[in-house]
Amino acid sequence: MDCPNCHTYNPDERTVCWRCDKPLPRPQPPKKKQASSQQWLYILIAVMVILMLANMCGLPQLLTPKPGLIP
């Protein structure tokens, strides 16, 4: 962390600047990023495209049993 008074680097565990002896602000904990609605929209679109491609490639016909093959 840099001292806001003299702009000298100080390790995070220090509470007072080693050069100017002014108190240092407490380090802020990193904020967790929340998934935005835009990210969820992209995920939903990607899933829809994958499902449409699977449907166009004949995946449902491959998964349904053919008549006569089941005893």
Protein backbone atom coordinates (compact mmCIF):
# COMPACT_ATOMS: atom_id res chain seq x y z
CA MET A 1 0.00 0.00 0.00
CA ASP A 2 1.24 3.49 -0.77
CA CYS A 3 1.08 6.18 1.86
CA PRO A 4 -1.50 8.83 0.89
CA ASN A 5 0.72 11.52 2.41
CA CYS A 6 4.22 10.82 1.02
CA HIS A 7 3.38 8.10 -1.58
CA THR A 8 5.94 5.69 -0.15
CA TYR A 9 5.29 1.96 -0.36
CA ASN A 10 4.43 0.27 2.95
CA PRO A 11 3.62 -3.40 3.53
CA ASP A 12 -0.07 -4.13 4.09
CA GLU A 13 0.41 -5.12 7.73
CA ARG A 14 1.80 -1.69 8.68
CA THR A 15 -0.48 0.83 10.34
CA VAL A 16 1.94 3.80 10.26
CA CYS A 17 4.09 4.95 7.35
CA TRP A 18 7.76 4.19 7.91
CA ARG A 19 8.89 7.43 6.26
CA CYS A 20 6.48 10.15 7.45
CA ASP A 21 4.97 8.40 10.52
CA LYS A 22 1.43 9.26 9.44
CA PRO A 23 -1.32 6.67 10.03
CA LEU A 24 -2.13 4.52 7.04
CA PRO A 25 -5.69 3.70 5.99
CA ARG A 26 -6.80 0.14 6.52
CA PRO A 27 -6.57 -2.00 3.40
CA GLN A 28 -9.94 -2.63 1.81
CA PRO A 29 -10.92 -6.29 1.40
CA PRO A 30 -11.34 -7.27 -2.25
CA LYS A 31 -14.93 -7.14 -3.40
CA LYS A 32 -16.50 -10.25 -4.85
CA LYS A 33 -17.85 -9.77 -8.32
CA GLN A 34 -21.45 -10.75 -8.69
CA ALA A 35 -22.64 -12.32 -11.88
CA SER A 36 -24.42 -9.60 -13.73
CA SER A 37 -27.66 -10.09 -15.57
CA GLN A 38 -25.76 -9.58 -18.83
CA GLN A 39 -23.57 -12.61 -18.10
CA TRP A 40 -26.67 -14.71 -17.41
CA LEU A 41 -28.13 -13.53 -20.71
CA TYR A 42 -25.02 -14.70 -22.58
CA ILE A 43 -25.14 -18.07 -20.83
CA LEU A 44 -28.83 -18.48 -21.68
CA ILE A 45 -28.21 -17.61 -25.34
CA ALA A 46 -25.30 -20.08 -25.53
CA VAL A 47 -27.45 -22.88 -24.06
CA MET A 48 -30.27 -22.09 -26.50
CA VAL A 49 -27.86 -22.19 -29.47
CA ILE A 50 -26.42 -25.53 -28.33
CA LEU A 51 -29.91 -27.00 -27.95
CA MET A 52 -30.95 -25.74 -31.40
CA LEU A 53 -27.82 -27.21 -33.00
CA ALA A 54 -28.41 -30.54 -31.26
CA ASN A 55 -32.00 -30.55 -32.52
CA MET A 56 -30.92 -29.75 -36.09
CA CYS A 57 -28.28 -32.50 -36.05
CA GLY A 58 -30.86 -35.13 -35.19
CA LEU A 59 -29.96 -35.76 -31.58
CA PRO A 60 -33.59 -36.47 -30.53
CA GLN A 61 -33.87 -39.21 -33.19
CA LEU A 62 -30.66 -40.83 -31.97
CA LEU A 63 -31.94 -40.97 -28.40
CA THR A 64 -35.39 -42.41 -29.13
CA PRO A 65 -35.55 -46.20 -29.50
CA LYS A 66 -36.42 -47.59 -32.93
CA PRO A 67 -39.51 -49.79 -33.14
CA GLY A 68 -38.64 -53.42 -33.49
CA LEU A 69 -35.30 -53.20 -31.70
CA ILE A 70 -36.86 -53.46 -28.25
CA PRO A 71 -37.85 -57.05 -27.38
